[in-house]
Structure formats: structure tokens, C-alpha cells
Amino acid sequence: MALKPANIADALCNPASPAGTCLNLRGHLQRNSLIGPGIQNLDFSLVKNTKVPSISEAANIQFRAEFFNVLNHTNFAPPLNNSAVFDGGGNPVAGAGRIDSTTTTSRQIQFGLKVLW
């Protein structure tokens, strides 16, 4: 007969954790209670269609200008790689919670020319 754990934390505890600790659990917060930095991104495109009857009656040339992250807003990534707050000995980790990367690229502009018929 298997023994029932005393509480839910004991049931979810990583067996490889040192005795009396549960290093794989992050406390008793509910799901989605931590909110990371938000994302602000504005993309914009301009398209100019021009008929070209010298090639064919149905021929069009399309010029496109596409702008990604027009406002050049920096969107920080959540600190997923630095989520360990304490090391194996229970000492605080120096880089815990550090935001050190971004989720989107800087402003980018792309031009294109397309022939349609």
C-alpha cells in the first residue's frame, strides 16, 4: 500500500531535493499571478500598385515598404534563464530575476518590388 503525502507540496516535491527542502517549487502563488514586462509593437506597411500596360493588360507592379517596430520600443524578456533564486546550499543567487534580453528586434525597414500578371 502506497503512503499518501501529507499535503500537496509534499506530493509535488522533487525527490532529488535535499531532505526537508523543495527547491523545485516557487511558493504558493496561484497560476498567472506574476506578470512580466509588457510588449508594445507597431508594424506599418505602404503598398503602391501601378498598372503596366506596356507589358500586358493585366500586368501590375507593386512597390512595398514595410516597417517593423516603427516606434523602436524596447521589449524586455521575462527573466526565465535567471529563475533560480537560491543555489543548492540555500544561498541567494546574485543574478536572480535579472532581465538581460529582449523579445523583439529593433526597428527594421524592408522594401520590395513585385510584378503581378
N, C-alpha and C. Protein backbone atom coordinates (compact mmCIF):
# COMPACT_ATOMS: atom_id res chain seq x y z
N MET A 1 0.84 -1.17 0.00
CA MET A 1 0.00 0.00 0.00
C MET A 1 0.89 1.24 0.00
N ALA A 2 0.62 2.17 -0.93
CA ALA A 2 1.43 3.38 -1.04
C ALA A 2 1.01 4.39 0.03
N LEU A 3 1.98 5.13 0.52
CA LEU A 3 1.71 6.16 1.51
C LEU A 3 1.19 7.41 0.82
N LYS A 4 0.18 8.06 1.41
CA LYS A 4 -0.34 9.31 0.88
C LYS A 4 0.51 10.46 1.41
N PRO A 5 0.85 11.43 0.56
CA PRO A 5 1.61 12.59 1.05
C PRO A 5 0.76 13.41 2.02
N ALA A 6 1.44 14.07 2.95
CA ALA A 6 0.75 14.86 3.98
C ALA A 6 0.05 16.07 3.37
N ASN A 7 0.63 16.70 2.36
CA ASN A 7 -0.01 17.84 1.70
C ASN A 7 0.43 17.89 0.25
N ILE A 8 -0.13 18.83 -0.49
CA ILE A 8 0.15 18.91 -1.93
C ILE A 8 1.61 19.25 -2.20
N ALA A 9 2.24 20.06 -1.35
CA ALA A 9 3.65 20.41 -1.55
C ALA A 9 4.53 19.17 -1.46
N ASP A 10 4.23 18.27 -0.54
CA ASP A 10 5.00 17.03 -0.44
C ASP A 10 4.80 16.18 -1.69
N ALA A 11 3.60 16.21 -2.27
CA ALA A 11 3.33 15.41 -3.45
C ALA A 11 4.07 15.94 -4.67
N LEU A 12 4.28 17.26 -4.76
CA LEU A 12 4.93 17.86 -5.92
C LEU A 12 6.42 18.03 -5.76
N CYS A 13 6.95 17.77 -4.60
CA CYS A 13 8.36 17.99 -4.31
C CYS A 13 9.24 17.06 -5.15
N ASN A 14 10.32 17.59 -5.66
CA ASN A 14 11.28 16.82 -6.43
C ASN A 14 12.03 15.89 -5.49
N PRO A 15 12.02 14.58 -5.72
CA PRO A 15 12.69 13.66 -4.80
C PRO A 15 14.19 13.89 -4.70
N ALA A 16 14.80 14.54 -5.69
CA ALA A 16 16.24 14.78 -5.65
C ALA A 16 16.60 15.97 -4.77
N SER A 17 15.61 16.71 -4.28
CA SER A 17 15.89 17.85 -3.40
C SER A 17 16.47 17.37 -2.09
N PRO A 18 17.33 18.20 -1.46
CA PRO A 18 17.85 17.83 -0.15
C PRO A 18 16.72 17.62 0.85
N ALA A 19 16.95 16.82 1.85
CA ALA A 19 15.92 16.50 2.83
C ALA A 19 15.38 17.77 3.49
N GLY A 20 14.05 17.86 3.59
CA GLY A 20 13.41 19.00 4.24
C GLY A 20 13.26 20.22 3.36
N THR A 21 13.66 20.15 2.08
CA THR A 21 13.51 21.29 1.18
C THR A 21 12.75 20.87 -0.07
N CYS A 22 12.23 21.81 -0.77
CA CYS A 22 11.53 21.57 -2.03
C CYS A 22 11.96 22.65 -3.00
N LEU A 23 13.16 22.54 -3.54
CA LEU A 23 13.74 23.62 -4.36
C LEU A 23 13.05 23.79 -5.70
N ASN A 24 12.27 22.80 -6.15
CA ASN A 24 11.61 22.95 -7.45
C ASN A 24 10.29 23.71 -7.35
N LEU A 25 9.79 24.01 -6.17
CA LEU A 25 8.54 24.75 -6.01
C LEU A 25 8.84 26.23 -5.80
N ARG A 26 7.97 27.10 -6.29
CA ARG A 26 8.17 28.54 -6.22
C ARG A 26 7.23 29.21 -5.22
N GLY A 27 6.72 28.50 -4.28
CA GLY A 27 5.83 29.09 -3.28
C GLY A 27 4.40 28.68 -3.53
N HIS A 28 3.45 29.43 -2.97
CA HIS A 28 2.05 29.07 -3.04
C HIS A 28 1.22 30.07 -3.83
N LEU A 29 1.81 30.75 -4.81
CA LEU A 29 1.08 31.70 -5.63
C LEU A 29 0.21 30.96 -6.62
N GLN A 30 -0.90 31.56 -6.98
CA GLN A 30 -1.76 30.94 -7.97
C GLN A 30 -1.18 31.11 -9.37
N ARG A 31 -1.71 30.39 -10.31
CA ARG A 31 -1.25 30.42 -11.68
C ARG A 31 -1.45 31.82 -12.27
N ASN A 32 -0.49 32.29 -13.07
CA ASN A 32 -0.51 33.59 -13.76
C ASN A 32 -0.57 34.77 -12.79
N SER A 33 -0.04 34.61 -11.59
CA SER A 33 -0.07 35.73 -10.65
C SER A 33 1.12 36.67 -10.85
N LEU A 34 2.16 36.22 -11.51
CA LEU A 34 3.30 37.08 -11.82
C LEU A 34 3.19 37.56 -13.26
N ILE A 35 3.34 38.86 -13.45
CA ILE A 35 3.20 39.44 -14.77
C ILE A 35 4.53 40.07 -15.14
N GLY A 36 5.06 39.68 -16.29
CA GLY A 36 6.33 40.21 -16.76
C GLY A 36 6.14 41.53 -17.49
N PRO A 37 7.22 42.06 -18.04
CA PRO A 37 7.12 43.32 -18.78
C PRO A 37 6.24 43.13 -20.02
N GLY A 38 5.44 44.13 -20.34
CA GLY A 38 4.53 44.05 -21.48
C GLY A 38 5.26 44.22 -22.81
N ILE A 39 4.53 43.96 -23.88
CA ILE A 39 5.10 44.10 -25.23
C ILE A 39 4.32 45.18 -25.97
N GLN A 40 5.05 46.13 -26.54
CA GLN A 40 4.46 47.16 -27.38
C GLN A 40 5.16 47.09 -28.73
N ASN A 41 4.39 46.84 -29.77
CA ASN A 41 4.97 46.67 -31.09
C ASN A 41 4.01 47.26 -32.11
N LEU A 42 4.52 48.08 -33.01
CA LEU A 42 3.70 48.68 -34.05
C LEU A 42 4.38 48.42 -35.40
N ASP A 43 3.69 47.68 -36.27
CA ASP A 43 4.18 47.41 -37.62
C ASP A 43 3.33 48.22 -38.60
N PHE A 44 3.94 48.63 -39.70
CA PHE A 44 3.27 49.50 -40.66
C PHE A 44 3.76 49.15 -42.05
N SER A 45 2.88 49.19 -43.04
CA SER A 45 3.31 48.94 -44.41
C SER A 45 2.59 49.88 -45.37
N LEU A 46 3.29 50.23 -46.43
CA LEU A 46 2.75 51.04 -47.52
C LEU A 46 2.87 50.22 -48.80
N VAL A 47 1.80 50.24 -49.61
CA VAL A 47 1.79 49.48 -50.85
C VAL A 47 1.30 50.40 -51.97
N LYS A 48 2.02 50.39 -53.09
CA LYS A 48 1.63 51.18 -54.27
C LYS A 48 1.54 50.23 -55.45
N ASN A 49 0.32 50.09 -56.00
CA ASN A 49 0.10 49.26 -57.19
C ASN A 49 0.07 50.16 -58.42
N THR A 50 0.80 49.77 -59.47
CA THR A 50 0.87 50.54 -60.71
C THR A 50 0.62 49.61 -61.88
N LYS A 51 -0.34 49.96 -62.75
CA LYS A 51 -0.60 49.16 -63.94
C LYS A 51 0.49 49.44 -64.98
N VAL A 52 0.91 48.36 -65.65
CA VAL A 52 1.95 48.47 -66.68
C VAL A 52 1.39 47.89 -67.98
N PRO A 53 0.68 48.71 -68.78
CA PRO A 53 0.07 48.18 -70.00
C PRO A 53 1.10 47.82 -71.08
N SER A 54 2.33 48.34 -70.97
CA SER A 54 3.33 48.02 -71.98
C SER A 54 3.77 46.55 -71.90
N ILE A 55 3.64 45.92 -70.74
CA ILE A 55 3.99 44.50 -70.60
C ILE A 55 2.79 43.63 -70.97
N SER A 56 1.65 43.93 -70.37
CA SER A 56 0.43 43.16 -70.61
C SER A 56 -0.73 43.96 -70.05
N GLU A 57 -1.97 43.65 -70.49
CA GLU A 57 -3.15 44.35 -69.98
C GLU A 57 -3.36 44.08 -68.49
N ALA A 58 -3.00 42.89 -68.03
CA ALA A 58 -3.24 42.51 -66.63
C ALA A 58 -1.99 42.68 -65.76
N ALA A 59 -0.93 43.27 -66.29
CA ALA A 59 0.32 43.38 -65.54
C ALA A 59 0.27 44.54 -64.54
N ASN A 60 0.75 44.28 -63.35
CA ASN A 60 0.86 45.28 -62.29
C ASN A 60 2.25 45.19 -61.68
N ILE A 61 2.75 46.32 -61.26
CA ILE A 61 3.99 46.34 -60.46
C ILE A 61 3.59 46.86 -59.09
N GLN A 62 4.02 46.16 -58.09
CA GLN A 62 3.67 46.53 -56.72
C GLN A 62 4.95 46.88 -55.95
N PHE A 63 4.99 48.10 -55.42
CA PHE A 63 6.10 48.53 -54.58
C PHE A 63 5.63 48.48 -53.13
N ARG A 64 6.42 47.87 -52.25
CA ARG A 64 6.06 47.72 -50.84
C ARG A 64 7.16 48.30 -49.96
N ALA A 65 6.74 49.00 -48.93
CA ALA A 65 7.66 49.45 -47.88
C ALA A 65 7.05 48.97 -46.57
N GLU A 66 7.77 48.12 -45.85
CA GLU A 66 7.27 47.54 -44.60
C GLU A 66 8.18 47.95 -43.45
N PHE A 67 7.56 48.42 -42.39
CA PHE A 67 8.29 48.91 -41.21
C PHE A 67 7.89 48.06 -40.02
N PHE A 68 8.86 47.47 -39.35
CA PHE A 68 8.62 46.62 -38.19
C PHE A 68 9.15 47.32 -36.96
N ASN A 69 8.36 47.34 -35.88
CA ASN A 69 8.68 48.03 -34.63
C ASN A 69 8.99 49.51 -34.94
N VAL A 70 8.02 50.18 -35.55
CA VAL A 70 8.18 51.55 -36.01
C VAL A 70 8.64 52.48 -34.89
N LEU A 71 8.07 52.33 -33.70
CA LEU A 71 8.41 53.22 -32.59
C LEU A 71 9.73 52.86 -31.93
N ASN A 72 10.35 51.76 -32.35
CA ASN A 72 11.63 51.29 -31.82
C ASN A 72 11.58 51.14 -30.29
N HIS A 73 10.49 50.56 -29.80
CA HIS A 73 10.30 50.36 -28.37
C HIS A 73 11.04 49.09 -27.94
N THR A 74 11.79 49.18 -26.85
CA THR A 74 12.50 48.02 -26.32
C THR A 74 11.54 47.17 -25.51
N ASN A 75 11.39 45.90 -25.88
CA ASN A 75 10.52 44.96 -25.18
C ASN A 75 11.39 43.94 -24.47
N PHE A 76 11.42 44.03 -23.15
CA PHE A 76 12.28 43.15 -22.36
C PHE A 76 11.64 41.78 -22.18
N ALA A 77 12.49 40.75 -22.17
CA ALA A 77 12.02 39.38 -21.96
C ALA A 77 11.91 39.11 -20.47
N PRO A 78 11.01 38.20 -20.07
CA PRO A 78 10.95 37.82 -18.66
C PRO A 78 12.24 37.10 -18.26
N PRO A 79 12.59 37.13 -17.00
CA PRO A 79 13.86 36.53 -16.56
C PRO A 79 13.79 35.01 -16.43
N LEU A 80 13.53 34.32 -17.54
CA LEU A 80 13.38 32.87 -17.50
C LEU A 80 14.69 32.14 -17.24
N ASN A 81 15.78 32.65 -17.78
CA ASN A 81 17.07 31.98 -17.60
C ASN A 81 17.68 32.23 -16.23
N ASN A 82 17.14 33.20 -15.53
CA ASN A 82 17.66 33.55 -14.21
C ASN A 82 16.59 33.33 -13.14
N SER A 83 15.86 32.21 -13.22
CA SER A 83 14.74 31.99 -12.32
C SER A 83 15.16 31.32 -11.02
N ALA A 84 16.38 30.84 -10.90
CA ALA A 84 16.83 30.22 -9.66
C ALA A 84 17.15 31.32 -8.65
N VAL A 85 16.44 31.32 -7.55
CA VAL A 85 16.63 32.36 -6.54
C VAL A 85 17.71 31.93 -5.53
N PHE A 86 17.76 30.63 -5.22
CA PHE A 86 18.73 30.11 -4.27
C PHE A 86 19.50 28.96 -4.90
N ASP A 87 20.76 28.83 -4.56
CA ASP A 87 21.55 27.70 -5.06
C ASP A 87 21.28 26.46 -4.21
N GLY A 88 21.98 25.37 -4.49
CA GLY A 88 21.77 24.11 -3.77
C GLY A 88 22.03 24.21 -2.28
N GLY A 89 22.87 25.14 -1.85
CA GLY A 89 23.18 25.29 -0.43
C GLY A 89 22.26 26.27 0.29
N GLY A 90 21.26 26.84 -0.43
CA GLY A 90 20.34 27.78 0.18
C GLY A 90 20.82 29.21 0.17
N ASN A 91 21.93 29.49 -0.51
CA ASN A 91 22.46 30.86 -0.59
C ASN A 91 21.81 31.60 -1.76
N PRO A 92 21.56 32.91 -1.60
CA PRO A 92 20.96 33.67 -2.70
C PRO A 92 21.87 33.70 -3.93
N VAL A 93 21.26 33.60 -5.10
CA VAL A 93 21.98 33.68 -6.37
C VAL A 93 22.05 35.16 -6.77
N ALA A 94 23.23 35.63 -7.17
CA ALA A 94 23.44 37.06 -7.45
C ALA A 94 22.60 37.55 -8.62
N GLY A 95 22.41 36.76 -9.68
CA GLY A 95 21.69 37.23 -10.87
C GLY A 95 20.22 36.84 -10.87
N ALA A 96 19.63 36.50 -9.75
CA ALA A 96 18.25 36.05 -9.70
C ALA A 96 17.30 37.15 -10.16
N GLY A 97 16.44 36.83 -11.11
CA GLY A 97 15.45 37.80 -11.58
C GLY A 97 15.99 38.86 -12.51
N ARG A 98 17.21 38.74 -12.97
CA ARG A 98 17.81 39.75 -13.84
C ARG A 98 17.22 39.66 -15.24
N ILE A 99 16.81 40.79 -15.76
CA ILE A 99 16.30 40.86 -17.13
C ILE A 99 17.48 41.23 -18.02
N ASP A 100 17.88 40.31 -18.88
CA ASP A 100 19.10 40.51 -19.66
C ASP A 100 18.92 40.27 -21.16
N SER A 101 17.68 40.23 -21.64
CA SER A 101 17.46 40.05 -23.07
C SER A 101 16.16 40.72 -23.49
N THR A 102 15.97 40.84 -24.79
CA THR A 102 14.75 41.43 -25.33
C THR A 102 13.99 40.37 -26.13
N THR A 103 12.68 40.62 -26.35
CA THR A 103 11.87 39.65 -27.08
C THR A 103 11.65 40.04 -28.53
N THR A 104 11.75 41.30 -28.85
CA THR A 104 11.56 41.75 -30.23
C THR A 104 12.84 42.43 -30.73
N THR A 105 12.94 42.54 -32.03
CA THR A 105 14.11 43.18 -32.63
C THR A 105 13.93 44.69 -32.63
N SER A 106 14.99 45.39 -32.96
CA SER A 106 14.90 46.84 -33.09
C SER A 106 14.16 47.18 -34.38
N ARG A 107 14.02 48.47 -34.67
CA ARG A 107 13.29 48.90 -35.86
C ARG A 107 13.94 48.31 -37.11
N GLN A 108 13.10 47.78 -38.00
CA GLN A 108 13.58 47.23 -39.27
C GLN A 108 12.70 47.75 -40.40
N ILE A 109 13.33 48.05 -41.54
CA ILE A 109 12.61 48.54 -42.71
C ILE A 109 12.94 47.63 -43.88
N GLN A 110 11.90 47.27 -44.64
CA GLN A 110 12.09 46.33 -45.75
C GLN A 110 11.35 46.88 -46.97
N PHE A 111 12.02 46.87 -48.11
CA PHE A 111 11.42 47.32 -49.36
C PHE A 111 11.28 46.13 -50.30
N GLY A 112 10.25 46.13 -51.12
CA GLY A 112 10.04 45.05 -52.07
C GLY A 112 9.39 45.55 -53.35
N LEU A 113 9.70 44.88 -54.44
CA LEU A 113 9.11 45.18 -55.73
C LEU A 113 8.63 43.86 -56.33
N LYS A 114 7.33 43.83 -56.69
CA LYS A 114 6.73 42.58 -57.16
C LYS A 114 6.02 42.86 -58.48
N VAL A 115 6.18 41.95 -59.43
CA VAL A 115 5.48 42.04 -60.71
C VAL A 115 4.37 41.01 -60.70
N LEU A 116 3.13 41.48 -60.94
CA LEU A 116 1.94 40.61 -60.94
C LEU A 116 1.30 40.63 -62.31
N TRP A 117 0.92 39.45 -62.83
CA TRP A 117 0.10 39.40 -64.04
C TRP A 117 -0.64 38.12 -64.16
